[in-house]
N, C-alpha and C. Protein backbone atom coordinates (compact mmCIF):
# COMPACT_ATOMS: atom_id res chain seq x y z
N UNK A 1 123.64 96.84 -49.00
CA UNK A 1 122.89 95.44 -48.24
C UNK A 1 121.22 96.11 -48.44
N UNK A 2 120.51 97.18 -48.48
CA UNK A 2 119.60 97.33 -47.97
C UNK A 2 119.51 97.31 -50.28
N UNK A 3 120.23 97.38 -51.44
CA UNK A 3 120.16 97.16 -51.85
C UNK A 3 120.03 95.96 -53.17
N UNK A 4 120.47 95.11 -52.45
CA UNK A 4 120.46 93.71 -53.01
C UNK A 4 119.10 93.43 -51.85
N UNK A 5 119.18 93.29 -51.08
CA UNK A 5 117.31 93.10 -50.08
C UNK A 5 116.47 93.08 -51.02
N UNK A 6 116.31 94.84 -51.58
CA UNK A 6 115.34 95.35 -52.89
C UNK A 6 115.19 94.03 -53.38
N UNK A 7 116.71 94.47 -53.84
CA UNK A 7 116.28 93.22 -55.37
C UNK A 7 115.51 91.93 -55.33
N UNK A 8 116.26 91.54 -54.97
CA UNK A 8 115.25 90.00 -54.03
C UNK A 8 113.89 89.82 -53.84
N UNK A 9 113.55 90.76 -52.94
CA UNK A 9 112.79 90.64 -53.09
C UNK A 9 111.41 91.72 -54.04
N UNK A 10 112.05 92.33 -55.23
CA UNK A 10 111.27 92.74 -55.63
C UNK A 10 111.13 91.37 -57.43
N UNK A 11 112.43 90.79 -57.22
CA UNK A 11 112.70 89.81 -57.78
C UNK A 11 111.73 87.92 -57.59
N UNK A 12 111.73 87.82 -56.43
CA UNK A 12 110.86 87.20 -55.73
C UNK A 12 109.35 87.24 -55.74
N UNK A 13 109.00 88.51 -55.30
CA UNK A 13 107.23 89.60 -56.18
C UNK A 13 106.92 89.27 -57.40
N UNK A 14 107.85 89.15 -58.02
CA UNK A 14 108.04 88.79 -59.67
C UNK A 14 108.01 87.46 -59.58
N UNK A 15 108.50 87.06 -59.52
CA UNK A 15 108.35 85.09 -59.46
C UNK A 15 106.91 84.40 -59.11
N UNK A 16 106.55 85.63 -58.54
CA UNK A 16 105.21 85.32 -57.27
C UNK A 16 103.68 85.00 -57.34
N UNK A 17 104.53 86.02 -59.00
CA UNK A 17 103.35 87.26 -60.32
C UNK A 17 103.11 86.45 -61.04
N UNK A 18 104.16 85.68 -61.11
CA UNK A 18 104.16 85.04 -62.48
C UNK A 18 103.63 83.74 -61.90
N UNK A 19 104.21 83.10 -60.99
CA UNK A 19 103.56 81.56 -61.04
C UNK A 19 102.00 81.60 -60.65
N UNK A 20 102.11 83.01 -59.88
CA UNK A 20 99.75 82.74 -60.00
C UNK A 20 99.48 83.31 -61.45
N UNK A 21 100.30 83.35 -62.25
CA UNK A 21 99.32 83.50 -63.06
C UNK A 21 99.46 82.42 -64.44
N UNK A 22 100.48 81.63 -63.81
CA UNK A 22 100.22 79.93 -64.54
C UNK A 22 99.89 78.90 -64.45
N UNK A 23 99.65 79.67 -62.72
CA UNK A 23 97.97 78.59 -62.09
C UNK A 23 96.58 79.49 -62.66
N UNK A 24 96.50 80.54 -62.26
CA UNK A 24 95.29 80.99 -63.49
C UNK A 24 95.20 80.62 -64.37
N UNK A 25 96.68 80.70 -65.96
CA UNK A 25 96.08 80.22 -67.43
C UNK A 25 95.90 78.45 -66.97
N UNK A 26 97.21 77.50 -66.64
CA UNK A 26 96.32 75.98 -66.35
C UNK A 26 95.39 75.55 -65.83
N UNK A 27 94.33 76.59 -64.54
CA UNK A 27 93.32 75.58 -64.38
C UNK A 27 92.19 76.46 -65.98
N UNK A 28 91.91 77.90 -66.21
CA UNK A 28 91.64 78.15 -67.03
C UNK A 28 91.42 76.79 -68.15
N UNK A 29 92.45 76.66 -68.67
CA UNK A 29 92.77 75.39 -69.62
C UNK A 29 91.98 73.63 -68.74
N UNK A 30 92.40 73.43 -67.75
CA UNK A 30 91.82 72.20 -67.56
C UNK A 30 89.67 72.94 -67.46
N UNK A 31 90.08 73.86 -67.13
CA UNK A 31 88.28 74.24 -67.27
C UNK A 31 87.68 73.84 -68.67
N UNK A 32 88.14 74.47 -69.64
CA UNK A 32 87.85 74.24 -70.83
C UNK A 32 88.30 72.70 -71.49
N UNK A 33 89.01 71.88 -70.99
CA UNK A 33 89.23 70.77 -71.61
C UNK A 33 88.13 69.25 -70.93
N UNK A 34 87.93 70.23 -69.34
CA UNK A 34 86.79 69.51 -68.77
C UNK A 34 85.34 69.88 -68.85
N UNK A 35 85.08 71.20 -70.24
CA UNK A 35 83.79 71.07 -70.23
C UNK A 35 84.10 70.53 -72.08
N UNK A 36 85.06 69.90 -72.14
CA UNK A 36 85.16 69.55 -74.06
C UNK A 36 84.69 68.19 -73.91
N UNK A 37 84.94 67.66 -72.50
CA UNK A 37 85.33 66.33 -72.89
C UNK A 37 83.40 66.05 -71.88
N UNK A 38 83.56 66.77 -70.94
CA UNK A 38 81.89 66.33 -70.90
C UNK A 38 80.92 66.69 -72.13
N UNK A 39 80.59 67.69 -73.20
CA UNK A 39 79.65 67.72 -74.09
C UNK A 39 80.72 66.37 -74.66
N UNK A 40 81.97 65.84 -75.08
CA UNK A 40 82.05 64.64 -76.04
C UNK A 40 80.53 63.96 -75.15
N UNK A 41 81.11 63.33 -73.45
CA UNK A 41 79.72 62.63 -74.02
C UNK A 41 78.97 62.69 -73.47
N UNK A 42 78.19 63.79 -73.41
CA UNK A 42 76.44 63.81 -73.70
C UNK A 42 76.20 63.46 -75.14
N UNK A 43 76.95 64.40 -76.11
CA UNK A 43 76.71 64.01 -76.89
C UNK A 43 77.27 62.29 -77.72
N UNK A 44 77.53 62.56 -77.35
CA UNK A 44 77.79 60.78 -77.21
C UNK A 44 76.65 59.91 -76.75
N UNK A 45 75.98 60.56 -75.32
CA UNK A 45 75.00 59.62 -75.39
C UNK A 45 73.73 59.53 -76.22
N UNK A 46 73.81 60.91 -76.51
CA UNK A 46 72.55 61.48 -77.44
C UNK A 46 72.33 61.05 -78.80
N UNK A 47 74.03 60.28 -79.33
CA UNK A 47 74.22 60.12 -79.94
C UNK A 47 73.66 57.95 -80.40
N UNK A 48 73.65 57.24 -78.57
CA UNK A 48 72.58 56.51 -78.68
C UNK A 48 73.80 55.51 -78.32
N UNK A 49 75.73 56.15 -78.16
CA UNK A 49 76.75 55.68 -78.32
C UNK A 49 76.31 55.31 -76.78
N UNK A 50 76.44 53.93 -76.11
CA UNK A 50 76.74 53.29 -75.21
C UNK A 50 77.63 53.97 -74.48
N UNK A 51 76.60 54.10 -72.99
CA UNK A 51 77.83 54.72 -71.50
C UNK A 51 79.16 54.45 -71.52
N UNK A 52 79.97 53.10 -70.85
CA UNK A 52 81.49 51.89 -71.52
C UNK A 52 81.78 53.43 -72.92
N UNK A 53 81.16 53.62 -73.06
CA UNK A 53 81.47 53.45 -75.01
C UNK A 53 81.76 55.31 -75.08
N UNK A 54 80.79 56.32 -74.58
CA UNK A 54 80.87 57.46 -74.55
C UNK A 54 81.92 58.09 -72.95
N UNK A 55 82.28 56.61 -72.19
CA UNK A 55 83.73 57.68 -71.09
C UNK A 55 84.50 57.84 -71.96
N UNK A 56 85.33 56.50 -72.54
CA UNK A 56 86.31 55.90 -72.70
C UNK A 56 85.90 57.59 -73.63
N UNK A 57 85.48 57.42 -74.96
CA UNK A 57 85.31 58.67 -75.16
C UNK A 57 86.27 59.83 -75.55
N UNK A 58 85.26 60.19 -73.76
CA UNK A 58 85.88 61.70 -72.70
C UNK A 58 86.73 61.03 -72.35
N UNK A 59 87.66 60.58 -72.04
CA UNK A 59 87.67 59.92 -71.00
C UNK A 59 89.81 60.20 -72.09
N UNK A 60 89.67 59.52 -73.36
CA UNK A 60 90.79 60.09 -74.12
C UNK A 60 91.24 61.02 -74.79
N UNK A 61 89.72 61.84 -75.07
CA UNK A 61 89.49 63.92 -75.16
C UNK A 61 90.89 63.74 -74.28
N UNK A 62 90.51 64.01 -72.78
CA UNK A 62 91.47 64.50 -71.71
C UNK A 62 91.99 63.92 -71.69
N UNK A 63 93.22 62.81 -71.34
CA UNK A 63 94.03 61.85 -71.60
C UNK A 63 95.15 63.58 -72.25
N UNK A 64 94.16 62.92 -73.63
CA UNK A 64 95.57 63.84 -74.97
C UNK A 64 95.85 64.87 -74.87
N UNK A 65 94.57 65.93 -73.57
CA UNK A 65 94.80 67.14 -73.98
C UNK A 65 95.77 67.52 -72.66
N UNK A 66 95.29 66.81 -71.10
CA UNK A 66 95.71 67.56 -69.60
C UNK A 66 97.11 66.49 -70.05
N UNK A 67 97.83 64.90 -70.96
CA UNK A 67 98.50 64.43 -70.34
C UNK A 67 99.00 63.80 -71.65
N UNK A 68 99.54 65.16 -72.98
CA UNK A 68 100.38 64.47 -73.95
C UNK A 68 101.84 63.95 -73.93
N UNK A 69 102.09 62.42 -74.69
CA UNK A 69 102.95 61.77 -74.93
C UNK A 69 102.93 61.33 -73.80
N UNK A 70 102.20 60.59 -72.98
CA UNK A 70 101.87 59.10 -72.20
C UNK A 70 101.72 58.49 -73.57
N UNK A 71 102.29 57.06 -72.36
CA UNK A 71 101.57 55.75 -72.91
C UNK A 71 100.75 55.13 -72.09
N UNK A 72 100.14 54.50 -73.39
CA UNK A 72 98.36 53.16 -72.67
C UNK A 72 99.15 52.36 -72.43
N UNK A 73 98.75 51.80 -71.96
CA UNK A 73 98.84 50.18 -71.60
C UNK A 73 97.60 49.44 -71.74
N UNK A 74 98.46 48.90 -73.21
CA UNK A 74 96.48 48.06 -73.38
C UNK A 74 96.42 47.43 -72.47
N UNK A 75 95.55 46.42 -73.39
CA UNK A 75 94.68 44.65 -71.86
C UNK A 75 95.62 44.24 -72.75
N UNK A 76 95.96 44.17 -73.52
CA UNK A 76 96.49 42.45 -73.49
C UNK A 76 97.93 42.85 -73.59
N UNK A 77 98.63 43.94 -73.21
CA UNK A 77 100.10 44.33 -72.61
C UNK A 77 100.99 44.88 -73.25
N UNK A 78 100.50 45.26 -74.20
CA UNK A 78 101.38 45.87 -75.35
C UNK A 78 100.94 46.85 -75.05
N UNK A 79 101.98 48.63 -75.89
CA UNK A 79 101.79 49.85 -75.66
C UNK A 79 101.74 49.97 -76.81
N UNK A 80 101.07 51.05 -77.00
CA UNK A 80 101.17 52.33 -78.23
C UNK A 80 101.04 53.45 -77.50
N UNK A 81 101.99 54.67 -77.63
CA UNK A 81 102.42 56.32 -77.82
C UNK A 81 101.17 56.76 -78.23
N UNK A 82 100.56 57.82 -77.59
CA UNK A 82 99.43 58.02 -78.02
C UNK A 82 100.64 60.22 -78.39
């Protein structure tokens, strides 16, 4: 019985380590995407792009990277796949 408990504990520890590594990897990716989105915004503003459009540009990049394959509903009620 103790072998089974030892094995389950080993598997549980490995699962915990993998989950922690995945969280760290996703966090690192999110930080990189946030930095790039911020750069898109600041570079667009520096180039004279209006604030609202610069925000949309950065938002479009964020959505494309963080939520690939989402559907965007257009203001006219139509939809377009991203």
